[in-house]
Amino acid sequence: MPISVLTIVLVSVIGGLLYAAYEQHVKLQISKNNNQQDSETQQQMAALKNELKSLKKL
């Protein structure tokens, strides 16, 4: 096998692996961000429910 073909194959395989790792990293970051937003939203909803209960008492 000529060295140029081997080089092309190696670069392609390594590039594909690096891209897959980067893609997983990005998905993990998005997931963490969504979890944080979900928790903030739940806290805001709890606060609004408490305010609504206070208003209903009036």
PDB file of N, CA and C in Angstrom:
ATOM      1  N   MET A   1       0.850  -1.173   0.000  1.00  0.00           N
ATOM      2  CA  MET A   1       0.000   0.000   0.000  1.00  0.00           C
ATOM      3  C   MET A   1       0.898   1.239   0.000  1.00  0.00           C
ATOM      4  N   PRO A   2       0.669   2.149  -0.927  1.00  0.00           N
ATOM      5  CA  PRO A   2       1.493   3.368  -0.972  1.00  0.00           C
ATOM      6  C   PRO A   2       1.304   4.207   0.299  1.00  0.00           C
ATOM      7  N   ILE A   3       2.339   4.910   0.647  1.00  0.00           N
ATOM      8  CA  ILE A   3       2.339   5.720   1.872  1.00  0.00           C
ATOM      9  C   ILE A   3       1.288   6.826   1.810  1.00  0.00           C
ATOM     10  N   SER A   4       0.998   7.368   0.638  1.00  0.00           N
ATOM     11  CA  SER A   4       0.014   8.448   0.527  1.00  0.00           C
ATOM     12  C   SER A   4      -1.392   7.937   0.847  1.00  0.00           C
ATOM     13  N   VAL A   5      -1.703   6.722   0.423  1.00  0.00           N
ATOM     14  CA  VAL A   5      -3.021   6.145   0.722  1.00  0.00           C
ATOM     15  C   VAL A   5      -3.140   5.900   2.221  1.00  0.00           C
ATOM     16  N   LEU A   6      -2.093   5.371   2.816  1.00  0.00           N
ATOM     17  CA  LEU A   6      -2.085   5.117   4.257  1.00  0.00           C
ATOM     18  C   LEU A   6      -2.250   6.422   5.035  1.00  0.00           C
ATOM     19  N   THR A   7      -1.593   7.469   4.591  1.00  0.00           N
ATOM     20  CA  THR A   7      -1.701   8.777   5.244  1.00  0.00           C
ATOM     21  C   THR A   7      -3.130   9.303   5.157  1.00  0.00           C
ATOM     22  N   ILE A   8      -3.731   9.196   3.992  1.00  0.00           N
ATOM     23  CA  ILE A   8      -5.108   9.665   3.810  1.00  0.00           C
ATOM     24  C   ILE A   8      -6.062   8.887   4.712  1.00  0.00           C
ATOM     25  N   VAL A   9      -5.887   7.590   4.787  1.00  0.00           N
ATOM     26  CA  VAL A   9      -6.755   6.758   5.631  1.00  0.00           C
ATOM     27  C   VAL A   9      -6.582   7.136   7.098  1.00  0.00           C
ATOM     28  N   LEU A  10      -5.351   7.274   7.551  1.00  0.00           N
ATOM     29  CA  LEU A  10      -5.102   7.626   8.950  1.00  0.00           C
ATOM     30  C   LEU A  10      -5.672   8.998   9.305  1.00  0.00           C
ATOM     31  N   VAL A  11      -5.473   9.961   8.438  1.00  0.00           N
ATOM     32  CA  VAL A  11      -6.005  11.305   8.690  1.00  0.00           C
ATOM     33  C   VAL A  11      -7.527  11.264   8.748  1.00  0.00           C
ATOM     34  N   SER A  12      -8.143  10.514   7.865  1.00  0.00           N
ATOM     35  CA  SER A  12      -9.606  10.408   7.856  1.00  0.00           C
ATOM     36  C   SER A  12     -10.135   9.750   9.126  1.00  0.00           C
ATOM     37  N   VAL A  13      -9.509   8.670   9.539  1.00  0.00           N
ATOM     38  CA  VAL A  13      -9.961   7.954  10.737  1.00  0.00           C
ATOM     39  C   VAL A  13      -9.770   8.827  11.976  1.00  0.00           C
ATOM     40  N   ILE A  14      -8.610   9.425  12.113  1.00  0.00           N
ATOM     41  CA  ILE A  14      -8.339  10.264  13.281  1.00  0.00           C
ATOM     42  C   ILE A  14      -9.262  11.482  13.284  1.00  0.00           C
ATOM     43  N   GLY A  15      -9.477  12.069  12.137  1.00  0.00           N
ATOM     44  CA  GLY A  15     -10.393  13.210  12.039  1.00  0.00           C
ATOM     45  C   GLY A  15     -11.812  12.823  12.436  1.00  0.00           C
ATOM     46  N   GLY A  16     -12.261  11.670  11.992  1.00  0.00           N
ATOM     47  CA  GLY A  16     -13.597  11.196  12.357  1.00  0.00           C
ATOM     48  C   GLY A  16     -13.725  10.964  13.851  1.00  0.00           C
ATOM     49  N   LEU A  17     -12.700  10.380  14.456  1.00  0.00           N
ATOM     50  CA  LEU A  17     -12.731  10.153  15.902  1.00  0.00           C
ATOM     51  C   LEU A  17     -12.740  11.471  16.678  1.00  0.00           C
ATOM     52  N   LEU A  18     -11.933  12.424  16.244  1.00  0.00           N
ATOM     53  CA  LEU A  18     -11.909  13.725  16.910  1.00  0.00           C
ATOM     54  C   LEU A  18     -13.243  14.442  16.775  1.00  0.00           C
ATOM     55  N   TYR A  19     -13.853  14.356  15.609  1.00  0.00           N
ATOM     56  CA  TYR A  19     -15.154  14.989  15.404  1.00  0.00           C
ATOM     57  C   TYR A  19     -16.216  14.341  16.292  1.00  0.00           C
ATOM     58  N   ALA A  20     -16.207  13.018  16.402  1.00  0.00           N
ATOM     59  CA  ALA A  20     -17.175  12.315  17.247  1.00  0.00           C
ATOM     60  C   ALA A  20     -16.996  12.707  18.716  1.00  0.00           C
ATOM     61  N   ALA A  21     -15.760  12.825  19.165  1.00  0.00           N
ATOM     62  CA  ALA A  21     -15.504  13.227  20.545  1.00  0.00           C
ATOM     63  C   ALA A  21     -15.990  14.650  20.794  1.00  0.00           C
ATOM     64  N   TYR A  22     -15.742  15.545  19.858  1.00  0.00           N
ATOM     65  CA  TYR A  22     -16.195  16.930  19.984  1.00  0.00           C
ATOM     66  C   TYR A  22     -17.722  16.995  20.017  1.00  0.00           C
ATOM     67  N   GLU A  23     -18.363  16.217  19.166  1.00  0.00           N
ATOM     68  CA  GLU A  23     -19.825  16.190  19.110  1.00  0.00           C
ATOM     69  C   GLU A  23     -20.405  15.729  20.451  1.00  0.00           C
ATOM     70  N   GLN A  24     -19.810  14.713  21.060  1.00  0.00           N
ATOM     71  CA  GLN A  24     -20.266  14.242  22.364  1.00  0.00           C
ATOM     72  C   GLN A  24     -20.054  15.316  23.436  1.00  0.00           C
ATOM     73  N   HIS A  25     -18.945  16.021  23.351  1.00  0.00           N
ATOM     74  CA  HIS A  25     -18.664  17.103  24.296  1.00  0.00           C
ATOM     75  C   HIS A  25     -19.727  18.195  24.203  1.00  0.00           C
ATOM     76  N   VAL A  26     -20.084  18.576  22.998  1.00  0.00           N
ATOM     77  CA  VAL A  26     -21.093  19.615  22.793  1.00  0.00           C
ATOM     78  C   VAL A  26     -22.446  19.146  23.323  1.00  0.00           C
ATOM     79  N   LYS A  27     -22.815  17.898  23.051  1.00  0.00           N
ATOM     80  CA  LYS A  27     -24.089  17.373  23.551  1.00  0.00           C
ATOM     81  C   LYS A  27     -24.125  17.381  25.076  1.00  0.00           C
ATOM     82  N   LEU A  28     -23.016  17.047  25.710  1.00  0.00           N
ATOM     83  CA  LEU A  28     -22.946  17.058  27.168  1.00  0.00           C
ATOM     84  C   LEU A  28     -23.124  18.468  27.713  1.00  0.00           C
ATOM     85  N   GLN A  29     -22.483  19.440  27.082  1.00  0.00           N
ATOM     86  CA  GLN A  29     -22.611  20.823  27.521  1.00  0.00           C
ATOM     87  C   GLN A  29     -24.050  21.313  27.378  1.00  0.00           C
ATOM     88  N   ILE A  30     -24.704  20.965  26.281  1.00  0.00           N
ATOM     89  CA  ILE A  30     -26.093  21.362  26.060  1.00  0.00           C
ATOM     90  C   ILE A  30     -26.991  20.721  27.116  1.00  0.00           C
ATOM     91  N   SER A  31     -26.742  19.458  27.400  1.00  0.00           N
ATOM     92  CA  SER A  31     -27.532  18.747  28.405  1.00  0.00           C
ATOM     93  C   SER A  31     -27.384  19.395  29.781  1.00  0.00           C
ATOM     94  N   LYS A  32     -26.171  19.743  30.160  1.00  0.00           N
ATOM     95  CA  LYS A  32     -25.942  20.405  31.449  1.00  0.00           C
ATOM     96  C   LYS A  32     -26.669  21.740  31.502  1.00  0.00           C
ATOM     97  N   ASN A  33     -26.603  22.485  30.413  1.00  0.00           N
ATOM     98  CA  ASN A  33     -27.254  23.794  30.348  1.00  0.00           C
ATOM     99  C   ASN A  33     -28.766  23.642  30.484  1.00  0.00           C
ATOM    100  N   ASN A  34     -29.341  22.647  29.803  1.00  0.00           N
ATOM    101  CA  ASN A  34     -30.788  22.420  29.873  1.00  0.00           C
ATOM    102  C   ASN A  34     -31.204  22.025  31.280  1.00  0.00           C
ATOM    103  N   ASN A  35     -30.407  21.185  31.947  1.00  0.00           N
ATOM    104  CA  ASN A  35     -30.729  20.779  33.311  1.00  0.00           C
ATOM    105  C   ASN A  35     -30.724  21.978  34.253  1.00  0.00           C
ATOM    106  N   GLN A  36     -29.777  22.872  34.062  1.00  0.00           N
ATOM    107  CA  GLN A  36     -29.692  24.062  34.896  1.00  0.00           C
ATOM    108  C   GLN A  36     -30.914  24.945  34.655  1.00  0.00           C
ATOM    109  N   GLN A  37     -31.312  25.115  33.393  1.00  0.00           N
ATOM    110  CA  GLN A  37     -32.478  25.933  33.081  1.00  0.00           C
ATOM    111  C   GLN A  37     -33.744  25.300  33.641  1.00  0.00           C
ATOM    112  N   ASP A  38     -33.853  23.967  33.594  1.00  0.00           N
ATOM    113  CA  ASP A  38     -35.015  23.283  34.134  1.00  0.00           C
ATOM    114  C   ASP A  38     -35.128  23.528  35.637  1.00  0.00           C
ATOM    115  N   SER A  39     -34.023  23.458  36.334  1.00  0.00           N
ATOM    116  CA  SER A  39     -34.049  23.670  37.780  1.00  0.00           C
ATOM    117  C   SER A  39     -34.420  25.111  38.100  1.00  0.00           C
ATOM    118  N   GLU A  40     -33.919  26.077  37.349  1.00  0.00           N
ATOM    119  CA  GLU A  40     -34.275  27.480  37.561  1.00  0.00           C
ATOM    120  C   GLU A  40     -35.760  27.702  37.294  1.00  0.00           C
ATOM    121  N   THR A  41     -36.279  27.074  36.251  1.00  0.00           N
ATOM    122  CA  THR A  41     -37.699  27.204  35.920  1.00  0.00           C
ATOM    123  C   THR A  41     -38.561  26.625  37.029  1.00  0.00           C
ATOM    124  N   GLN A  42     -38.177  25.490  37.574  1.00  0.00           N
ATOM    125  CA  GLN A  42     -38.948  24.883  38.663  1.00  0.00           C
ATOM    126  C   GLN A  42     -38.932  25.780  39.904  1.00  0.00           C
ATOM    127  N   GLN A  43     -37.822  26.412  40.187  1.00  0.00           N
ATOM    128  CA  GLN A  43     -37.754  27.331  41.327  1.00  0.00           C
ATOM    129  C   GLN A  43     -38.668  28.530  41.106  1.00  0.00           C
ATOM    130  N   GLN A  44     -38.668  29.060  39.885  1.00  0.00           N
ATOM    131  CA  GLN A  44     -39.531  30.199  39.582  1.00  0.00           C
ATOM    132  C   GLN A  44     -41.001  29.810  39.688  1.00  0.00           C
ATOM    133  N   MET A  45     -41.348  28.607  39.215  1.00  0.00           N
ATOM    134  CA  MET A  45     -42.728  28.153  39.298  1.00  0.00           C
ATOM    135  C   MET A  45     -43.160  27.987  40.754  1.00  0.00           C
ATOM    136  N   ALA A  46     -42.289  27.468  41.602  1.00  0.00           N
ATOM    137  CA  ALA A  46     -42.614  27.311  43.022  1.00  0.00           C
ATOM    138  C   ALA A  46     -42.848  28.675  43.666  1.00  0.00           C
ATOM    139  N   ALA A  47     -42.020  29.643  43.321  1.00  0.00           N
ATOM    140  CA  ALA A  47     -42.187  30.992  43.865  1.00  0.00           C
ATOM    141  C   ALA A  47     -43.510  31.596  43.399  1.00  0.00           C
ATOM    142  N   LEU A  48     -43.854  31.398  42.137  1.00  0.00           N
ATOM    143  CA  LEU A  48     -45.120  31.925  41.619  1.00  0.00           C
ATOM    144  C   LEU A  48     -46.320  31.245  42.276  1.00  0.00           C
ATOM    145  N   LYS A  49     -46.218  29.954  42.534  1.00  0.00           N
ATOM    146  CA  LYS A  49     -47.306  29.244  43.209  1.00  0.00           C
ATOM    147  C   LYS A  49     -47.501  29.790  44.618  1.00  0.00           C
ATOM    148  N   ASN A  50     -46.398  30.068  45.305  1.00  0.00           N
ATOM    149  CA  ASN A  50     -46.492  30.641  46.648  1.00  0.00           C
ATOM    150  C   ASN A  50     -47.142  32.015  46.605  1.00  0.00           C
ATOM    151  N   GLU A  51     -46.775  32.816  45.636  1.00  0.00           N
ATOM    152  CA  GLU A  51     -47.395  34.139  45.480  1.00  0.00           C
ATOM    153  C   GLU A  51     -48.875  34.016  45.188  1.00  0.00           C
ATOM    154  N   LEU A  52     -49.240  33.061  44.351  1.00  0.00           N
ATOM    155  CA  LEU A  52     -50.648  32.848  44.015  1.00  0.00           C
ATOM    156  C   LEU A  52     -51.443  32.423  45.249  1.00  0.00           C
ATOM    157  N   LYS A  53     -50.870  31.553  46.061  1.00  0.00           N
ATOM    158  CA  LYS A  53     -51.538  31.143  47.300  1.00  0.00           C
ATOM    159  C   LYS A  53     -51.747  32.353  48.205  1.00  0.00           C
ATOM    160  N   SER A  54     -50.739  33.233  48.289  1.00  0.00           N
ATOM    161  CA  SER A  54     -50.858  34.435  49.119  1.00  0.00           C
ATOM    162  C   SER A  54     -51.964  35.329  48.603  1.00  0.00           C
ATOM    163  N   LEU A  55     -52.060  35.467  47.287  1.00  0.00           N
ATOM    164  CA  LEU A  55     -53.084  36.324  46.702  1.00  0.00           C
ATOM    165  C   LEU A  55     -54.484  35.740  46.896  1.00  0.00           C
ATOM    166  N   LYS A  56     -54.592  34.424  46.853  1.00  0.00           N
ATOM    167  CA  LYS A  56     -55.887  33.782  47.050  1.00  0.00           C
ATOM    168  C   LYS A  56     -56.387  33.986  48.479  1.00  0.00           C
ATOM    169  N   LYS A  57     -55.465  34.070  49.425  1.00  0.00           N
ATOM    170  CA  LYS A  57     -55.852  34.276  50.822  1.00  0.00           C
ATOM    171  C   LYS A  57     -56.443  35.671  51.029  1.00  0.00           C
ATOM    172  N   LEU A  58     -56.045  36.612  50.183  1.00  0.00           N
ATOM    173  CA  LEU A  58     -56.559  37.990  50.329  1.00  0.00           C
ATOM    174  C   LEU A  58     -57.937  38.028  49.805  1.00  0.00           C
TER     175      LEU A  58
END
